[in-house]
Amino acid sequence: MAITVNIYYSGKNGNAKKFAEEMIANGVVDAICAEEGNLRYEYFFPMKDKETVLLIDSWKDQHALDVHHGSPMMTKIAELREKYDLHMKVERYISEESGIPEADKAFIKE
């Protein structure tokens, strides 16, 4: 049961993008991706909102996410959020064990 957390970081004056760039440049993203149980940690930029960055953060299970939340990476993330004065909106999703239903597969081109 994978857990995916979408985090929308919003700021002003391009700060959300600067935050994501610094996370990558400082190696924080690579360190998080190397944590056991991490499935995905990737930033996206909404086309209609230049002041928001979407982080898709996915973990093998709740235990892996809990370990991540207790890691030194969280201190660095919090420091950078403060530095760039970012606000967050969070969505959490739990993947179904059965995957994509057959009825939905008709709409997916692989």
PDB file of N, CA and C in Angstrom:
ATOM      1  N   MET A   1       0.839  -1.169   0.000  1.00  0.00           N
ATOM      2  CA  MET A   1       0.000   0.000   0.000  1.00  0.00           C
ATOM      3  C   MET A   1       0.887   1.236   0.000  1.00  0.00           C
ATOM      4  N   ALA A   2       1.121   1.812  -1.138  1.00  0.00           N
ATOM      5  CA  ALA A   2       1.946   3.014  -1.255  1.00  0.00           C
ATOM      6  C   ALA A   2       1.149   4.234  -0.801  1.00  0.00           C
ATOM      7  N   ILE A   3       1.867   5.170  -0.205  1.00  0.00           N
ATOM      8  CA  ILE A   3       1.268   6.426   0.234  1.00  0.00           C
ATOM      9  C   ILE A   3       1.904   7.546  -0.576  1.00  0.00           C
ATOM     10  N   THR A   4       1.066   8.350  -1.201  1.00  0.00           N
ATOM     11  CA  THR A   4       1.542   9.485  -1.982  1.00  0.00           C
ATOM     12  C   THR A   4       0.996  10.757  -1.362  1.00  0.00           C
ATOM     13  N   VAL A   5       1.890  11.711  -1.169  1.00  0.00           N
ATOM     14  CA  VAL A   5       1.518  12.998  -0.595  1.00  0.00           C
ATOM     15  C   VAL A   5       1.840  14.071  -1.631  1.00  0.00           C
ATOM     16  N   ASN A   6       0.820  14.814  -2.021  1.00  0.00           N
ATOM     17  CA  ASN A   6       1.015  15.973  -2.900  1.00  0.00           C
ATOM     18  C   ASN A   6       1.098  17.201  -2.015  1.00  0.00           C
ATOM     19  N   ILE A   7       2.212  17.915  -2.123  1.00  0.00           N
ATOM     20  CA  ILE A   7       2.389  19.128  -1.336  1.00  0.00           C
ATOM     21  C   ILE A   7       2.527  20.299  -2.303  1.00  0.00           C
ATOM     22  N   TYR A   8       1.618  21.250  -2.177  1.00  0.00           N
ATOM     23  CA  TYR A   8       1.649  22.464  -2.983  1.00  0.00           C
ATOM     24  C   TYR A   8       2.317  23.549  -2.147  1.00  0.00           C
ATOM     25  N   TYR A   9       3.525  23.925  -2.526  1.00  0.00           N
ATOM     26  CA  TYR A   9       4.247  25.006  -1.856  1.00  0.00           C
ATOM     27  C   TYR A   9       3.939  26.298  -2.596  1.00  0.00           C
ATOM     28  N   SER A  10       3.470  27.314  -1.862  1.00  0.00           N
ATOM     29  CA  SER A  10       3.146  28.602  -2.472  1.00  0.00           C
ATOM     30  C   SER A  10       3.894  29.713  -1.765  1.00  0.00           C
ATOM     31  N   GLY A  11       4.340  30.671  -2.557  1.00  0.00           N
ATOM     32  CA  GLY A  11       5.058  31.812  -2.009  1.00  0.00           C
ATOM     33  C   GLY A  11       4.868  33.028  -2.897  1.00  0.00           C
ATOM     34  N   LYS A  12       5.819  33.940  -2.807  1.00  0.00           N
ATOM     35  CA  LYS A  12       5.800  35.154  -3.615  1.00  0.00           C
ATOM     36  C   LYS A  12       7.166  35.346  -4.256  1.00  0.00           C
ATOM     37  N   ASN A  13       7.176  36.113  -5.344  1.00  0.00           N
ATOM     38  CA  ASN A  13       8.424  36.494  -6.014  1.00  0.00           C
ATOM     39  C   ASN A  13       9.271  35.300  -6.456  1.00  0.00           C
ATOM     40  N   GLY A  14       8.604  34.214  -6.857  1.00  0.00           N
ATOM     41  CA  GLY A  14       9.329  33.046  -7.347  1.00  0.00           C
ATOM     42  C   GLY A  14       9.962  32.201  -6.257  1.00  0.00           C
ATOM     43  N   ASN A  15       9.598  32.442  -4.994  1.00  0.00           N
ATOM     44  CA  ASN A  15      10.240  31.727  -3.888  1.00  0.00           C
ATOM     45  C   ASN A  15       9.973  30.229  -3.885  1.00  0.00           C
ATOM     46  N   ALA A  16       8.821  29.784  -4.339  1.00  0.00           N
ATOM     47  CA  ALA A  16       8.542  28.348  -4.348  1.00  0.00           C
ATOM     48  C   ALA A  16       9.507  27.637  -5.298  1.00  0.00           C
ATOM     49  N   LYS A  17       9.739  28.227  -6.446  1.00  0.00           N
ATOM     50  CA  LYS A  17      10.679  27.633  -7.400  1.00  0.00           C
ATOM     51  C   LYS A  17      12.104  27.691  -6.857  1.00  0.00           C
ATOM     52  N   LYS A  18      12.473  28.794  -6.212  1.00  0.00           N
ATOM     53  CA  LYS A  18      13.803  28.914  -5.613  1.00  0.00           C
ATOM     54  C   LYS A  18      14.009  27.849  -4.537  1.00  0.00           C
ATOM     55  N   PHE A  19      12.966  27.597  -3.757  1.00  0.00           N
ATOM     56  CA  PHE A  19      13.006  26.548  -2.737  1.00  0.00           C
ATOM     57  C   PHE A  19      13.319  25.202  -3.370  1.00  0.00           C
ATOM     58  N   ALA A  20      12.559  24.831  -4.411  1.00  0.00           N
ATOM     59  CA  ALA A  20      12.774  23.539  -5.074  1.00  0.00           C
ATOM     60  C   ALA A  20      14.181  23.465  -5.673  1.00  0.00           C
ATOM     61  N   GLU A  21      14.625  24.545  -6.279  1.00  0.00           N
ATOM     62  CA  GLU A  21      15.974  24.567  -6.862  1.00  0.00           C
ATOM     63  C   GLU A  21      17.045  24.368  -5.798  1.00  0.00           C
ATOM     64  N   GLU A  22      16.871  25.009  -4.632  1.00  0.00           N
ATOM     65  CA  GLU A  22      17.859  24.844  -3.564  1.00  0.00           C
ATOM     66  C   GLU A  22      17.811  23.442  -2.970  1.00  0.00           C
ATOM     67  N   MET A  23      16.616  22.877  -2.855  1.00  0.00           N
ATOM     68  CA  MET A  23      16.492  21.492  -2.376  1.00  0.00           C
ATOM     69  C   MET A  23      17.292  20.539  -3.267  1.00  0.00           C
ATOM     70  N   ILE A  24      17.223  20.766  -4.562  1.00  0.00           N
ATOM     71  CA  ILE A  24      17.948  19.920  -5.517  1.00  0.00           C
ATOM     72  C   ILE A  24      19.443  20.228  -5.468  1.00  0.00           C
ATOM     73  N   ALA A  25      19.813  21.500  -5.528  1.00  0.00           N
ATOM     74  CA  ALA A  25      21.223  21.897  -5.577  1.00  0.00           C
ATOM     75  C   ALA A  25      21.992  21.473  -4.328  1.00  0.00           C
ATOM     76  N   ASN A  26      21.332  21.488  -3.168  1.00  0.00           N
ATOM     77  CA  ASN A  26      22.004  21.133  -1.920  1.00  0.00           C
ATOM     78  C   ASN A  26      22.046  19.630  -1.660  1.00  0.00           C
ATOM     79  N   GLY A  27      21.476  18.834  -2.560  1.00  0.00           N
ATOM     80  CA  GLY A  27      21.510  17.388  -2.392  1.00  0.00           C
ATOM     81  C   GLY A  27      20.449  16.827  -1.469  1.00  0.00           C
ATOM     82  N   VAL A  28      19.548  17.678  -0.991  1.00  0.00           N
ATOM     83  CA  VAL A  28      18.501  17.203  -0.089  1.00  0.00           C
ATOM     84  C   VAL A  28      17.585  16.226  -0.815  1.00  0.00           C
ATOM     85  N   VAL A  29      17.216  16.545  -2.039  1.00  0.00           N
ATOM     86  CA  VAL A  29      16.327  15.666  -2.803  1.00  0.00           C
ATOM     87  C   VAL A  29      16.990  14.304  -3.033  1.00  0.00           C
ATOM     88  N   ASP A  30      18.259  14.306  -3.420  1.00  0.00           N
ATOM     89  CA  ASP A  30      18.956  13.033  -3.625  1.00  0.00           C
ATOM     90  C   ASP A  30      19.011  12.215  -2.342  1.00  0.00           C
ATOM     91  N   ALA A  31      19.235  12.868  -1.213  1.00  0.00           N
ATOM     92  CA  ALA A  31      19.278  12.164   0.071  1.00  0.00           C
ATOM     93  C   ALA A  31      17.918  11.563   0.410  1.00  0.00           C
ATOM     94  N   ILE A  32      16.854  12.294   0.138  1.00  0.00           N
ATOM     95  CA  ILE A  32      15.508  11.774   0.407  1.00  0.00           C
ATOM     96  C   ILE A  32      15.205  10.588  -0.509  1.00  0.00           C
ATOM     97  N   CYS A  33      15.565  10.726  -1.772  1.00  0.00           N
ATOM     98  CA  CYS A  33      15.327   9.628  -2.720  1.00  0.00           C
ATOM     99  C   CYS A  33      16.086   8.364  -2.331  1.00  0.00           C
ATOM    100  N   ALA A  34      17.192   8.516  -1.616  1.00  0.00           N
ATOM    101  CA  ALA A  34      18.002   7.373  -1.185  1.00  0.00           C
ATOM    102  C   ALA A  34      17.468   6.734   0.096  1.00  0.00           C
ATOM    103  N   GLU A  35      16.517   7.376   0.753  1.00  0.00           N
ATOM    104  CA  GLU A  35      15.959   6.817   1.983  1.00  0.00           C
ATOM    105  C   GLU A  35      15.182   5.546   1.659  1.00  0.00           C
ATOM    106  N   GLU A  36      15.285   4.578   2.560  1.00  0.00           N
ATOM    107  CA  GLU A  36      14.583   3.320   2.354  1.00  0.00           C
ATOM    108  C   GLU A  36      13.075   3.554   2.318  1.00  0.00           C
ATOM    109  N   GLY A  37      12.433   3.006   1.310  1.00  0.00           N
ATOM    110  CA  GLY A  37      10.982   3.122   1.175  1.00  0.00           C
ATOM    111  C   GLY A  37      10.518   4.276   0.318  1.00  0.00           C
ATOM    112  N   ASN A  38      11.435   5.160  -0.107  1.00  0.00           N
ATOM    113  CA  ASN A  38      11.022   6.261  -0.972  1.00  0.00           C
ATOM    114  C   ASN A  38      10.785   5.744  -2.382  1.00  0.00           C
ATOM    115  N   LEU A  39       9.649   6.063  -2.942  1.00  0.00           N
ATOM    116  CA  LEU A  39       9.298   5.643  -4.299  1.00  0.00           C
ATOM    117  C   LEU A  39       9.399   6.793  -5.294  1.00  0.00           C
ATOM    118  N   ARG A  40       9.177   8.016  -4.798  1.00  0.00           N
ATOM    119  CA  ARG A  40       9.192   9.176  -5.695  1.00  0.00           C
ATOM    120  C   ARG A  40       9.295  10.455  -4.875  1.00  0.00           C
ATOM    121  N   TYR A  41      10.064  11.387  -5.376  1.00  0.00           N
ATOM    122  CA  TYR A  41      10.183  12.708  -4.765  1.00  0.00           C
ATOM    123  C   TYR A  41      10.517  13.652  -5.901  1.00  0.00           C
ATOM    124  N   GLU A  42       9.494  14.311  -6.421  1.00  0.00           N
ATOM    125  CA  GLU A  42       9.670  15.049  -7.672  1.00  0.00           C
ATOM    126  C   GLU A  42       8.830  16.325  -7.662  1.00  0.00           C
ATOM    127  N   TYR A  43       9.425  17.410  -8.156  1.00  0.00           N
ATOM    128  CA  TYR A  43       8.762  18.706  -8.223  1.00  0.00           C
ATOM    129  C   TYR A  43       8.168  18.965  -9.606  1.00  0.00           C
ATOM    130  N   PHE A  44       7.015  19.649  -9.617  1.00  0.00           N
ATOM    131  CA  PHE A  44       6.342  20.047 -10.846  1.00  0.00           C
ATOM    132  C   PHE A  44       5.896  21.500 -10.690  1.00  0.00           C
ATOM    133  N   PHE A  45       5.782  22.187 -11.804  1.00  0.00           N
ATOM    134  CA  PHE A  45       5.433  23.601 -11.804  1.00  0.00           C
ATOM    135  C   PHE A  45       4.132  23.805 -12.570  1.00  0.00           C
ATOM    136  N   PRO A  46       3.037  24.180 -11.873  1.00  0.00           N
ATOM    137  CA  PRO A  46       1.766  24.424 -12.551  1.00  0.00           C
ATOM    138  C   PRO A  46       1.894  25.563 -13.566  1.00  0.00           C
ATOM    139  N   MET A  47       1.367  25.353 -14.744  1.00  0.00           N
ATOM    140  CA  MET A  47       1.483  26.342 -15.813  1.00  0.00           C
ATOM    141  C   MET A  47       0.713  27.626 -15.514  1.00  0.00           C
ATOM    142  N   LYS A  48      -0.392  27.527 -14.795  1.00  0.00           N
ATOM    143  CA  LYS A  48      -1.230  28.699 -14.546  1.00  0.00           C
ATOM    144  C   LYS A  48      -0.896  29.427 -13.247  1.00  0.00           C
ATOM    145  N   ASP A  49       0.035  28.885 -12.461  1.00  0.00           N
ATOM    146  CA  ASP A  49       0.351  29.494 -11.170  1.00  0.00           C
ATOM    147  C   ASP A  49       1.863  29.495 -10.980  1.00  0.00           C
ATOM    148  N   LYS A  50       2.496  30.581 -11.335  1.00  0.00           N
ATOM    149  CA  LYS A  50       3.960  30.691 -11.283  1.00  0.00           C
ATOM    150  C   LYS A  50       4.496  30.775  -9.856  1.00  0.00           C
ATOM    151  N   GLU A  51       3.619  30.946  -8.869  1.00  0.00           N
ATOM    152  CA  GLU A  51       4.053  31.075  -7.483  1.00  0.00           C
ATOM    153  C   GLU A  51       3.857  29.792  -6.670  1.00  0.00           C
ATOM    154  N   THR A  52       3.561  28.684  -7.356  1.00  0.00           N
ATOM    155  CA  THR A  52       3.352  27.409  -6.682  1.00  0.00           C
ATOM    156  C   THR A  52       4.218  26.329  -7.308  1.00  0.00           C
ATOM    157  N   VAL A  53       4.693  25.436  -6.448  1.00  0.00           N
ATOM    158  CA  VAL A  53       5.421  24.247  -6.867  1.00  0.00           C
ATOM    159  C   VAL A  53       4.695  23.053  -6.252  1.00  0.00           C
ATOM    160  N   LEU A  54       4.488  22.007  -7.046  1.00  0.00           N
ATOM    161  CA  LEU A  54       3.876  20.773  -6.557  1.00  0.00           C
ATOM    162  C   LEU A  54       4.965  19.744  -6.327  1.00  0.00           C
ATOM    163  N   LEU A  55       5.013  19.199  -5.127  1.00  0.00           N
ATOM    164  CA  LEU A  55       5.895  18.078  -4.815  1.00  0.00           C
ATOM    165  C   LEU A  55       5.052  16.816  -4.756  1.00  0.00           C
ATOM    166  N   ILE A  56       5.429  15.816  -5.537  1.00  0.00           N
ATOM    167  CA  ILE A  56       4.810  14.498  -5.425  1.00  0.00           C
ATOM    168  C   ILE A  56       5.799  13.623  -4.678  1.00  0.00           C
ATOM    169  N   ASP A  57       5.397  13.200  -3.497  1.00  0.00           N
ATOM    170  CA  ASP A  57       6.239  12.505  -2.533  1.00  0.00           C
ATOM    171  C   ASP A  57       5.569  11.169  -2.228  1.00  0.00           C
ATOM    172  N   SER A  58       6.193  10.055  -2.632  1.00  0.00           N
ATOM    173  CA  SER A  58       5.546   8.754  -2.500  1.00  0.00           C
ATOM    174  C   SER A  58       6.444   7.784  -1.727  1.00  0.00           C
ATOM    175  N   TRP A  59       5.803   6.996  -0.853  1.00  0.00           N
ATOM    176  CA  TRP A  59       6.506   6.084   0.049  1.00  0.00           C
ATOM    177  C   TRP A  59       5.878   4.698   0.027  1.00  0.00           C
ATOM    178  N   LYS A  60       6.699   3.704   0.294  1.00  0.00           N
ATOM    179  CA  LYS A  60       6.265   2.301   0.264  1.00  0.00           C
ATOM    180  C   LYS A  60       5.121   2.041   1.235  1.00  0.00           C
ATOM    181  N   ASP A  61       5.199   2.638   2.423  1.00  0.00           N
ATOM    182  CA  ASP A  61       4.180   2.423   3.447  1.00  0.00           C
ATOM    183  C   ASP A  61       4.290   3.507   4.514  1.00  0.00           C
ATOM    184  N   GLN A  62       3.393   3.457   5.494  1.00  0.00           N
ATOM    185  CA  GLN A  62       3.371   4.466   6.542  1.00  0.00           C
ATOM    186  C   GLN A  62       4.656   4.458   7.365  1.00  0.00           C
ATOM    187  N   HIS A  63       5.204   3.280   7.614  1.00  0.00           N
ATOM    188  CA  HIS A  63       6.447   3.196   8.387  1.00  0.00           C
ATOM    189  C   HIS A  63       7.573   3.963   7.695  1.00  0.00           C
ATOM    190  N   ALA A  64       7.732   3.774   6.394  1.00  0.00           N
ATOM    191  CA  ALA A  64       8.783   4.488   5.651  1.00  0.00           C
ATOM    192  C   ALA A  64       8.568   5.996   5.734  1.00  0.00           C
ATOM    193  N   LEU A  65       7.329   6.435   5.634  1.00  0.00           N
ATOM    194  CA  LEU A  65       7.018   7.864   5.738  1.00  0.00           C
ATOM    195  C   LEU A  65       7.317   8.387   7.137  1.00  0.00           C
ATOM    196  N   ASP A  66       6.979   7.604   8.158  1.00  0.00           N
ATOM    197  CA  ASP A  66       7.256   8.007   9.536  1.00  0.00           C
ATOM    198  C   ASP A  66       8.762   8.144   9.780  1.00  0.00           C
ATOM    199  N   VAL A  67       9.547   7.206   9.256  1.00  0.00           N
ATOM    200  CA  VAL A  67      11.004   7.276   9.405  1.00  0.00           C
ATOM    201  C   VAL A  67      11.526   8.536   8.724  1.00  0.00           C
ATOM    202  N   HIS A  68      11.007   8.823   7.530  1.00  0.00           N
ATOM    203  CA  HIS A  68      11.399  10.040   6.820  1.00  0.00           C
ATOM    204  C   HIS A  68      11.076  11.277   7.653  1.00  0.00           C
ATOM    205  N   HIS A  69       9.878  11.313   8.229  1.00  0.00           N
ATOM    206  CA  HIS A  69       9.473  12.473   9.019  1.00  0.00           C
ATOM    207  C   HIS A  69      10.359  12.659  10.249  1.00  0.00           C
ATOM    208  N   GLY A  70      10.995  11.600  10.722  1.00  0.00           N
ATOM    209  CA  GLY A  70      11.904  11.685  11.852  1.00  0.00           C
ATOM    210  C   GLY A  70      13.353  11.900  11.455  1.00  0.00           C
ATOM    211  N   SER A  71      13.617  12.035  10.163  1.00  0.00           N
ATOM    212  CA  SER A  71      14.993  12.138   9.670  1.00  0.00           C
ATOM    213  C   SER A  71      15.507  13.573   9.719  1.00  0.00           C
ATOM    214  N   PRO A  72      16.841  13.734   9.654  1.00  0.00           N
ATOM    215  CA  PRO A  72      17.434  15.074   9.611  1.00  0.00           C
ATOM    216  C   PRO A  72      16.996  15.888   8.383  1.00  0.00           C
ATOM    217  N   MET A  73      16.526  15.216   7.347  1.00  0.00           N
ATOM    218  CA  MET A  73      16.072  15.930   6.147  1.00  0.00           C
ATOM    219  C   MET A  73      14.916  16.860   6.468  1.00  0.00           C
ATOM    220  N   MET A  74      14.066  16.472   7.416  1.00  0.00           N
ATOM    221  CA  MET A  74      12.900  17.297   7.743  1.00  0.00           C
ATOM    222  C   MET A  74      13.318  18.634   8.350  1.00  0.00           C
ATOM    223  N   THR A  75      14.411  18.647   9.109  1.00  0.00           N
ATOM    224  CA  THR A  75      14.913  19.898   9.666  1.00  0.00           C
ATOM    225  C   THR A  75      15.360  20.826   8.546  1.00  0.00           C
ATOM    226  N   LYS A  76      16.083  20.280   7.572  1.00  0.00           N
ATOM    227  CA  LYS A  76      16.561  21.084   6.441  1.00  0.00           C
ATOM    228  C   LYS A  76      15.383  21.617   5.623  1.00  0.00           C
ATOM    229  N   ILE A  77      14.392  20.765   5.379  1.00  0.00           N
ATOM    230  CA  ILE A  77      13.207  21.190   4.628  1.00  0.00           C
ATOM    231  C   ILE A  77      12.502  22.334   5.362  1.00  0.00           C
ATOM    232  N   ALA A  78      12.322  22.192   6.670  1.00  0.00           N
ATOM    233  CA  ALA A  78      11.650  23.228   7.453  1.00  0.00           C
ATOM    234  C   ALA A  78      12.426  24.543   7.406  1.00  0.00           C
ATOM    235  N   GLU A  79      13.753  24.463   7.485  1.00  0.00           N
ATOM    236  CA  GLU A  79      14.575  25.673   7.410  1.00  0.00           C
ATOM    237  C   GLU A  79      14.392  26.375   6.064  1.00  0.00           C
ATOM    238  N   LEU A  80      14.376  25.607   4.993  1.00  0.00           N
ATOM    239  CA  LEU A  80      14.214  26.208   3.665  1.00  0.00           C
ATOM    240  C   LEU A  80      12.811  26.758   3.459  1.00  0.00           C
ATOM    241  N   ARG A  81      11.800  26.087   3.997  1.00  0.00           N
ATOM    242  CA  ARG A  81      10.429  26.621   3.907  1.00  0.00           C
ATOM    243  C   ARG A  81      10.352  27.974   4.595  1.00  0.00           C
ATOM    244  N   GLU A  82      10.986  28.090   5.750  1.00  0.00           N
ATOM    245  CA  GLU A  82      11.003  29.361   6.468  1.00  0.00           C
ATOM    246  C   GLU A  82      11.781  30.410   5.689  1.00  0.00           C
ATOM    247  N   LYS A  83      12.932  30.025   5.166  1.00  0.00           N
ATOM    248  CA  LYS A  83      13.775  30.954   4.405  1.00  0.00           C
ATOM    249  C   LYS A  83      12.990  31.589   3.259  1.00  0.00           C
ATOM    250  N   TYR A  84      12.174  30.786   2.587  1.00  0.00           N
ATOM    251  CA  TYR A  84      11.429  31.267   1.422  1.00  0.00           C
ATOM    252  C   TYR A  84       9.979  31.651   1.762  1.00  0.00           C
ATOM    253  N   ASP A  85       9.611  31.604   3.047  1.00  0.00           N
ATOM    254  CA  ASP A  85       8.278  31.994   3.514  1.00  0.00           C
ATOM    255  C   ASP A  85       7.172  31.292   2.728  1.00  0.00           C
ATOM    256  N   LEU A  86       7.243  29.975   2.680  1.00  0.00           N
ATOM    257  CA  LEU A  86       6.283  29.199   1.903  1.00  0.00           C
ATOM    258  C   LEU A  86       5.130  28.712   2.763  1.00  0.00           C
ATOM    259  N   HIS A  87       3.973  28.599   2.135  1.00  0.00           N
ATOM    260  CA  HIS A  87       2.785  28.025   2.746  1.00  0.00           C
ATOM    261  C   HIS A  87       2.460  26.742   1.989  1.00  0.00           C
ATOM    262  N   MET A  88       1.755  25.833   2.657  1.00  0.00           N
ATOM    263  CA  MET A  88       1.537  24.518   2.072  1.00  0.00           C
ATOM    264  C   MET A  88       0.061  24.129   2.071  1.00  0.00           C
ATOM    265  N   LYS A  89      -0.309  23.425   1.025  1.00  0.00           N
ATOM    266  CA  LYS A  89      -1.591  22.710   0.953  1.00  0.00           C
ATOM    267  C   LYS A  89      -1.206  21.258   0.706  1.00  0.00           C
ATOM    268  N   VAL A  90      -1.779  20.328   1.466  1.00  0.00           N
ATOM    269  CA  VAL A  90      -1.360  18.931   1.392  1.00  0.00           C
ATOM    270  C   VAL A  90      -2.550  18.029   1.062  1.00  0.00           C
ATOM    271  N   GLU A  91      -2.310  17.091   0.143  1.00  0.00           N
ATOM    272  CA  GLU A  91      -3.275  16.041  -0.189  1.00  0.00           C
ATOM    273  C   GLU A  91      -2.569  14.706   0.017  1.00  0.00           C
ATOM    274  N   ARG A  92      -3.282  13.728   0.531  1.00  0.00           N
ATOM    275  CA  ARG A  92      -2.693  12.418   0.808  1.00  0.00           C
ATOM    276  C   ARG A  92      -3.533  11.345   0.122  1.00  0.00           C
ATOM    277  N   TYR A  93      -2.838  10.417  -0.555  1.00  0.00           N
ATOM    278  CA  TYR A  93      -3.508   9.343  -1.280  1.00  0.00           C
ATOM    279  C   TYR A  93      -2.882   8.000  -0.915  1.00  0.00           C
ATOM    280  N   ILE A  94      -3.717   6.980  -0.818  1.00  0.00           N
ATOM    281  CA  ILE A  94      -3.240   5.624  -0.578  1.00  0.00           C
ATOM    282  C   ILE A  94      -3.582   4.800  -1.806  1.00  0.00           C
ATOM    283  N   SER A  95      -2.564   4.170  -2.390  1.00  0.00           N
ATOM    284  CA  SER A  95      -2.760   3.380  -3.613  1.00  0.00           C
ATOM    285  C   SER A  95      -3.500   2.088  -3.304  1.00  0.00           C
ATOM    286  N   GLU A  96      -4.370   1.734  -4.217  1.00  0.00           N
ATOM    287  CA  GLU A  96      -5.069   0.463  -4.091  1.00  0.00           C
ATOM    288  C   GLU A  96      -4.110  -0.674  -4.428  1.00  0.00           C
ATOM    289  N   GLU A  97      -4.211  -1.755  -3.692  1.00  0.00           N
ATOM    290  CA  GLU A  97      -3.349  -2.906  -3.937  1.00  0.00           C
ATOM    291  C   GLU A  97      -3.613  -3.513  -5.314  1.00  0.00           C
ATOM    292  N   SER A  98      -4.837  -3.396  -5.783  1.00  0.00           N
ATOM    293  CA  SER A  98      -5.216  -4.038  -7.047  1.00  0.00           C
ATOM    294  C   SER A  98      -4.779  -3.242  -8.278  1.00  0.00           C
ATOM    295  N   GLY A  99      -4.291  -2.028  -8.080  1.00  0.00           N
ATOM    296  CA  GLY A  99      -3.843  -1.224  -9.214  1.00  0.00           C
ATOM    297  C   GLY A  99      -4.991  -0.541  -9.929  1.00  0.00           C
ATOM    298  N   ILE A 100      -4.803  -0.266 -11.211  1.00  0.00           N
ATOM    299  CA  ILE A 100      -5.793   0.445 -12.009  1.00  0.00           C
ATOM    300  C   ILE A 100      -6.900  -0.523 -12.440  1.00  0.00           C
ATOM    301  N   PRO A 101      -8.164  -0.172 -12.196  1.00  0.00           N
ATOM    302  CA  PRO A 101      -9.268  -1.044 -12.610  1.00  0.00           C
ATOM    303  C   PRO A 101      -9.295  -1.234 -14.131  1.00  0.00           C
ATOM    304  N   GLU A 102      -9.705  -2.388 -14.564  1.00  0.00           N
ATOM    305  CA  GLU A 102      -9.759  -2.714 -15.995  1.00  0.00           C
ATOM    306  C   GLU A 102     -10.583  -1.690 -16.774  1.00  0.00           C
ATOM    307  N   ALA A 103     -11.687  -1.236 -16.201  1.00  0.00           N
ATOM    308  CA  ALA A 103     -12.543  -0.263 -16.892  1.00  0.00           C
ATOM    309  C   ALA A 103     -11.806   1.040 -17.166  1.00  0.00           C
ATOM    310  N   ASP A 104     -10.875   1.403 -16.313  1.00  0.00           N
ATOM    311  CA  ASP A 104     -10.117   2.650 -16.497  1.00  0.00           C
ATOM    312  C   ASP A 104      -8.983   2.487 -17.501  1.00  0.00           C
ATOM    313  N   LYS A 105      -8.496   1.294 -17.671  1.00  0.00           N
ATOM    314  CA  LYS A 105      -7.357   1.062 -18.562  1.00  0.00           C
ATOM    315  C   LYS A 105      -7.663   1.408 -20.001  1.00  0.00           C
ATOM    316  N   ALA A 106      -8.935   1.411 -20.384  1.00  0.00           N
ATOM    317  CA  ALA A 106      -9.326   1.753 -21.745  1.00  0.00           C
ATOM    318  C   ALA A 106      -8.975   3.211 -22.078  1.00  0.00           C
ATOM    319  N   PHE A 107      -8.796   4.038 -21.061  1.00  0.00           N
ATOM    320  CA  PHE A 107      -8.532   5.455 -21.259  1.00  0.00           C
ATOM    321  C   PHE A 107      -7.043   5.795 -21.160  1.00  0.00           C
ATOM    322  N   ILE A 108      -6.209   4.780 -20.999  1.00  0.00           N
ATOM    323  CA  ILE A 108      -4.774   5.000 -20.788  1.00  0.00           C
ATOM    324  C   ILE A 108      -3.999   4.477 -21.975  1.00  0.00           C
ATOM    325  N   LYS A 109      -3.203   5.326 -22.552  1.00  0.00           N
ATOM    326  CA  LYS A 109      -2.310   4.915 -23.644  1.00  0.00           C
ATOM    327  C   LYS A 109      -0.904   4.790 -23.068  1.00  0.00           C
ATOM    328  N   GLU A 110      -0.364   3.624 -23.128  1.00  0.00           N
ATOM    329  CA  GLU A 110       0.994   3.408 -22.585  1.00  0.00           C
ATOM    330  C   GLU A 110       2.010   3.436 -23.681  1.00  0.00           C
TER     331      GLU A 110
END
